[in-house]
Amino acid sequence: MPPIWQDVAGTINLKDATADEVAVLSSKLFKAGAITFEDHVSLSFAKNPDNDQKMNFIDHWQERQEEAVRQGASHDDLNDIIRVQSILGFVDSFDE
């Protein structure tokens, strides 16, 4: 496992973070080659009207998945959401 994962995990609490903080995390992971460009875009442009407002990004992406299922999202869209949840969950696992 590349050390970038542990390095970035020590810089953020994904259960109490701003969208800007998650965008910085995403940028670091992308530049290190740990995530795809598509995942970087998804993480960097999360639906959050106030980038300075702290929120629980683990819960946020779980809610996005539940909403997508309710709305009959495509298989590809659900896979994108689940992939982002996996990234966030992996980063968060270092914080426990």
N, C-alpha and C. Protein backbone atom coordinates (compact mmCIF):
# COMPACT_ATOMS: atom_id res chain seq x y z
N MET A 1 0.85 -1.18 0.00
CA MET A 1 0.00 0.00 0.00
C MET A 1 0.89 1.24 0.00
N PRO A 2 0.65 2.15 -0.95
CA PRO A 2 1.44 3.38 -0.98
C PRO A 2 1.22 4.22 0.28
N PRO A 3 2.26 4.87 0.76
CA PRO A 3 2.13 5.67 2.00
C PRO A 3 1.21 6.88 1.86
N ILE A 4 0.85 7.25 0.63
CA ILE A 4 -0.02 8.43 0.44
C ILE A 4 -1.33 8.28 1.20
N TRP A 5 -1.87 7.08 1.24
CA TRP A 5 -3.16 6.87 1.92
C TRP A 5 -3.07 7.23 3.39
N GLN A 6 -2.05 6.75 4.06
CA GLN A 6 -1.89 7.04 5.48
C GLN A 6 -1.53 8.52 5.69
N ASP A 7 -0.73 9.06 4.78
CA ASP A 7 -0.35 10.47 4.89
C ASP A 7 -1.58 11.39 4.84
N VAL A 8 -2.45 11.16 3.86
CA VAL A 8 -3.61 12.03 3.74
C VAL A 8 -4.62 11.78 4.84
N ALA A 9 -4.70 10.55 5.31
CA ALA A 9 -5.66 10.24 6.38
C ALA A 9 -5.35 11.02 7.64
N GLY A 10 -4.08 11.30 7.87
CA GLY A 10 -3.70 12.04 9.07
C GLY A 10 -4.00 13.52 8.99
N THR A 11 -4.48 13.98 7.83
CA THR A 11 -4.72 15.42 7.66
C THR A 11 -6.19 15.81 7.67
N ILE A 12 -7.09 14.82 7.78
CA ILE A 12 -8.51 15.14 7.64
C ILE A 12 -9.38 14.19 8.46
N ASN A 13 -10.46 14.72 8.98
CA ASN A 13 -11.50 13.91 9.61
C ASN A 13 -12.69 13.97 8.67
N LEU A 14 -12.92 12.90 7.92
CA LEU A 14 -13.97 12.90 6.91
C LEU A 14 -15.37 12.97 7.50
N LYS A 15 -15.49 12.80 8.80
CA LYS A 15 -16.80 12.91 9.45
C LYS A 15 -17.06 14.34 9.93
N ASP A 16 -16.09 15.23 9.69
CA ASP A 16 -16.23 16.63 10.08
C ASP A 16 -15.26 17.45 9.22
N ALA A 17 -15.58 17.55 7.93
CA ALA A 17 -14.69 18.20 6.98
C ALA A 17 -15.47 19.16 6.08
N THR A 18 -14.75 20.07 5.48
CA THR A 18 -15.34 20.96 4.49
C THR A 18 -15.12 20.37 3.10
N ALA A 19 -15.89 20.84 2.14
CA ALA A 19 -15.71 20.39 0.75
C ALA A 19 -14.32 20.76 0.25
N ASP A 20 -13.82 21.91 0.67
CA ASP A 20 -12.48 22.32 0.27
C ASP A 20 -11.42 21.37 0.82
N GLU A 21 -11.59 20.91 2.05
CA GLU A 21 -10.64 19.96 2.63
C GLU A 21 -10.66 18.63 1.88
N VAL A 22 -11.84 18.19 1.50
CA VAL A 22 -11.96 16.95 0.74
C VAL A 22 -11.34 17.13 -0.65
N ALA A 23 -11.50 18.30 -1.25
CA ALA A 23 -10.89 18.57 -2.55
C ALA A 23 -9.37 18.51 -2.47
N VAL A 24 -8.79 19.02 -1.39
CA VAL A 24 -7.34 18.95 -1.20
C VAL A 24 -6.90 17.50 -1.04
N LEU A 25 -7.63 16.74 -0.24
CA LEU A 25 -7.36 15.32 -0.07
C LEU A 25 -7.39 14.61 -1.43
N SER A 26 -8.43 14.88 -2.20
CA SER A 26 -8.60 14.27 -3.50
C SER A 26 -7.46 14.62 -4.44
N SER A 27 -7.05 15.86 -4.43
CA SER A 27 -5.95 16.31 -5.28
C SER A 27 -4.66 15.56 -4.95
N LYS A 28 -4.39 15.41 -3.67
CA LYS A 28 -3.18 14.69 -3.25
C LYS A 28 -3.22 13.24 -3.70
N LEU A 29 -4.37 12.59 -3.53
CA LEU A 29 -4.50 11.20 -3.94
C LEU A 29 -4.36 11.05 -5.45
N PHE A 30 -4.96 11.98 -6.19
CA PHE A 30 -4.88 11.92 -7.65
C PHE A 30 -3.45 12.15 -8.14
N LYS A 31 -2.79 13.16 -7.59
CA LYS A 31 -1.42 13.46 -8.00
C LYS A 31 -0.47 12.31 -7.69
N ALA A 32 -0.78 11.54 -6.65
CA ALA A 32 0.04 10.38 -6.28
C ALA A 32 -0.31 9.14 -7.11
N GLY A 33 -1.35 9.26 -7.94
CA GLY A 33 -1.76 8.13 -8.77
C GLY A 33 -2.59 7.10 -8.03
N ALA A 34 -3.12 7.48 -6.88
CA ALA A 34 -3.88 6.55 -6.04
C ALA A 34 -5.35 6.46 -6.44
N ILE A 35 -5.88 7.50 -7.09
CA ILE A 35 -7.27 7.48 -7.55
C ILE A 35 -7.32 7.97 -8.99
N THR A 36 -8.41 7.67 -9.66
CA THR A 36 -8.58 8.08 -11.05
C THR A 36 -9.00 9.56 -11.14
N PHE A 37 -8.89 10.10 -12.33
CA PHE A 37 -9.34 11.46 -12.56
C PHE A 37 -10.83 11.58 -12.29
N GLU A 38 -11.60 10.59 -12.70
CA GLU A 38 -13.05 10.62 -12.49
C GLU A 38 -13.39 10.65 -10.99
N ASP A 39 -12.66 9.85 -10.21
CA ASP A 39 -12.88 9.86 -8.76
C ASP A 39 -12.47 11.20 -8.17
N HIS A 40 -11.40 11.76 -8.67
CA HIS A 40 -10.95 13.08 -8.20
C HIS A 40 -12.02 14.13 -8.47
N VAL A 41 -12.60 14.10 -9.66
CA VAL A 41 -13.66 15.06 -10.00
C VAL A 41 -14.85 14.87 -9.07
N SER A 42 -15.27 13.63 -8.85
CA SER A 42 -16.41 13.37 -7.96
C SER A 42 -16.17 13.89 -6.56
N LEU A 43 -14.98 13.66 -6.05
CA LEU A 43 -14.66 14.10 -4.69
C LEU A 43 -14.47 15.61 -4.60
N SER A 44 -13.92 16.20 -5.63
CA SER A 44 -13.60 17.63 -5.59
C SER A 44 -14.82 18.52 -5.77
N PHE A 45 -15.84 17.99 -6.39
CA PHE A 45 -17.02 18.80 -6.67
C PHE A 45 -18.25 18.22 -6.00
N ALA A 46 -18.08 17.82 -4.74
CA ALA A 46 -19.19 17.27 -3.97
C ALA A 46 -20.29 18.31 -3.82
N LYS A 47 -21.52 17.83 -3.77
CA LYS A 47 -22.66 18.74 -3.59
C LYS A 47 -22.63 19.33 -2.18
N ASN A 48 -22.16 20.53 -2.08
CA ASN A 48 -22.12 21.23 -0.81
C ASN A 48 -22.15 22.72 -1.14
N PRO A 49 -23.29 23.37 -0.93
CA PRO A 49 -23.43 24.77 -1.34
C PRO A 49 -22.46 25.71 -0.63
N ASP A 50 -22.02 25.35 0.54
CA ASP A 50 -21.11 26.20 1.30
C ASP A 50 -19.83 25.42 1.57
N ASN A 51 -18.80 25.69 0.80
CA ASN A 51 -17.56 24.93 0.92
C ASN A 51 -16.88 25.09 2.27
N ASP A 52 -17.29 26.08 3.06
CA ASP A 52 -16.70 26.28 4.38
C ASP A 52 -17.47 25.54 5.47
N GLN A 53 -18.63 25.00 5.12
CA GLN A 53 -19.46 24.30 6.10
C GLN A 53 -18.93 22.88 6.29
N LYS A 54 -18.70 22.50 7.54
CA LYS A 54 -18.23 21.15 7.84
C LYS A 54 -19.41 20.19 7.78
N MET A 55 -19.13 19.00 7.28
CA MET A 55 -20.16 17.98 7.20
C MET A 55 -19.51 16.60 7.27
N ASN A 56 -20.33 15.58 7.44
CA ASN A 56 -19.87 14.21 7.48
C ASN A 56 -19.91 13.66 6.05
N PHE A 57 -18.75 13.54 5.42
CA PHE A 57 -18.70 13.09 4.03
C PHE A 57 -18.97 11.60 3.89
N ILE A 58 -18.74 10.84 4.93
CA ILE A 58 -19.08 9.41 4.90
C ILE A 58 -20.59 9.28 4.78
N ASP A 59 -21.32 9.98 5.65
CA ASP A 59 -22.79 9.96 5.60
C ASP A 59 -23.30 10.58 4.30
N HIS A 60 -22.68 11.66 3.86
CA HIS A 60 -23.11 12.36 2.65
C HIS A 60 -23.13 11.40 1.45
N TRP A 61 -22.07 10.63 1.27
CA TRP A 61 -22.00 9.73 0.13
C TRP A 61 -22.92 8.53 0.31
N GLN A 62 -23.18 8.12 1.55
CA GLN A 62 -24.16 7.06 1.78
C GLN A 62 -25.55 7.56 1.38
N GLU A 63 -25.86 8.79 1.75
CA GLU A 63 -27.15 9.38 1.37
C GLU A 63 -27.27 9.52 -0.14
N ARG A 64 -26.17 9.88 -0.80
CA ARG A 64 -26.19 9.99 -2.27
C ARG A 64 -26.49 8.63 -2.90
N GLN A 65 -25.93 7.58 -2.32
CA GLN A 65 -26.20 6.24 -2.85
C GLN A 65 -27.67 5.89 -2.67
N GLU A 66 -28.19 6.12 -1.48
CA GLU A 66 -29.60 5.80 -1.21
C GLU A 66 -30.52 6.59 -2.13
N GLU A 67 -30.21 7.86 -2.36
CA GLU A 67 -31.02 8.69 -3.26
C GLU A 67 -30.92 8.16 -4.70
N ALA A 68 -29.74 7.78 -5.11
CA ALA A 68 -29.55 7.26 -6.47
C ALA A 68 -30.35 5.98 -6.67
N VAL A 69 -30.36 5.11 -5.68
CA VAL A 69 -31.13 3.86 -5.77
C VAL A 69 -32.61 4.18 -5.88
N ARG A 70 -33.09 5.10 -5.04
CA ARG A 70 -34.51 5.49 -5.07
C ARG A 70 -34.91 6.04 -6.43
N GLN A 71 -33.99 6.77 -7.04
CA GLN A 71 -34.30 7.41 -8.32
C GLN A 71 -34.00 6.52 -9.53
N GLY A 72 -33.56 5.31 -9.27
CA GLY A 72 -33.30 4.38 -10.36
C GLY A 72 -32.06 4.73 -11.17
N ALA A 73 -31.01 5.13 -10.50
CA ALA A 73 -29.78 5.51 -11.19
C ALA A 73 -29.22 4.34 -11.99
N SER A 74 -28.45 4.68 -12.98
CA SER A 74 -27.82 3.64 -13.81
C SER A 74 -26.78 2.87 -13.01
N HIS A 75 -26.45 1.71 -13.52
CA HIS A 75 -25.44 0.86 -12.89
C HIS A 75 -24.11 1.61 -12.81
N ASP A 76 -23.74 2.32 -13.87
CA ASP A 76 -22.48 3.08 -13.88
C ASP A 76 -22.47 4.18 -12.82
N ASP A 77 -23.59 4.89 -12.69
CA ASP A 77 -23.66 5.96 -11.68
C ASP A 77 -23.53 5.39 -10.27
N LEU A 78 -24.20 4.27 -10.02
CA LEU A 78 -24.10 3.64 -8.70
C LEU A 78 -22.67 3.16 -8.44
N ASN A 79 -22.04 2.59 -9.45
CA ASN A 79 -20.66 2.15 -9.28
C ASN A 79 -19.74 3.32 -8.95
N ASP A 80 -19.96 4.47 -9.58
CA ASP A 80 -19.15 5.66 -9.29
C ASP A 80 -19.31 6.07 -7.83
N ILE A 81 -20.54 6.08 -7.34
CA ILE A 81 -20.81 6.47 -5.96
C ILE A 81 -20.15 5.47 -4.99
N ILE A 82 -20.31 4.20 -5.28
CA ILE A 82 -19.74 3.17 -4.42
C ILE A 82 -18.22 3.24 -4.41
N ARG A 83 -17.61 3.54 -5.56
CA ARG A 83 -16.16 3.67 -5.62
C ARG A 83 -15.69 4.84 -4.74
N VAL A 84 -16.40 5.96 -4.79
CA VAL A 84 -16.04 7.11 -3.95
C VAL A 84 -16.23 6.75 -2.48
N GLN A 85 -17.31 6.05 -2.15
CA GLN A 85 -17.51 5.61 -0.76
C GLN A 85 -16.35 4.73 -0.31
N SER A 86 -15.87 3.88 -1.18
CA SER A 86 -14.74 3.01 -0.83
C SER A 86 -13.48 3.82 -0.55
N ILE A 87 -13.24 4.83 -1.36
CA ILE A 87 -12.07 5.69 -1.16
C ILE A 87 -12.17 6.38 0.19
N LEU A 88 -13.32 6.98 0.46
CA LEU A 88 -13.51 7.70 1.72
C LEU A 88 -13.43 6.73 2.91
N GLY A 89 -14.03 5.57 2.77
CA GLY A 89 -13.98 4.59 3.84
C GLY A 89 -12.57 4.11 4.13
N PHE A 90 -11.77 3.94 3.07
CA PHE A 90 -10.39 3.51 3.24
C PHE A 90 -9.59 4.58 3.97
N VAL A 91 -9.73 5.83 3.55
CA VAL A 91 -9.04 6.93 4.23
C VAL A 91 -9.49 7.00 5.68
N ASP A 92 -10.79 6.89 5.90
CA ASP A 92 -11.33 6.98 7.26
C ASP A 92 -10.85 5.83 8.13
N SER A 93 -10.55 4.68 7.57
CA SER A 93 -10.14 3.52 8.35
C SER A 93 -8.80 3.76 9.06
N PHE A 94 -7.99 4.67 8.56
CA PHE A 94 -6.72 4.99 9.20
C PHE A 94 -6.91 5.86 10.42
N ASP A 95 -8.08 6.48 10.54
CA ASP A 95 -8.36 7.42 11.62
C ASP A 95 -8.93 6.72 12.84
N GLU A 96 -9.14 5.42 12.77
CA GLU A 96 -9.80 4.72 13.87
C GLU A 96 -8.81 4.17 14.86
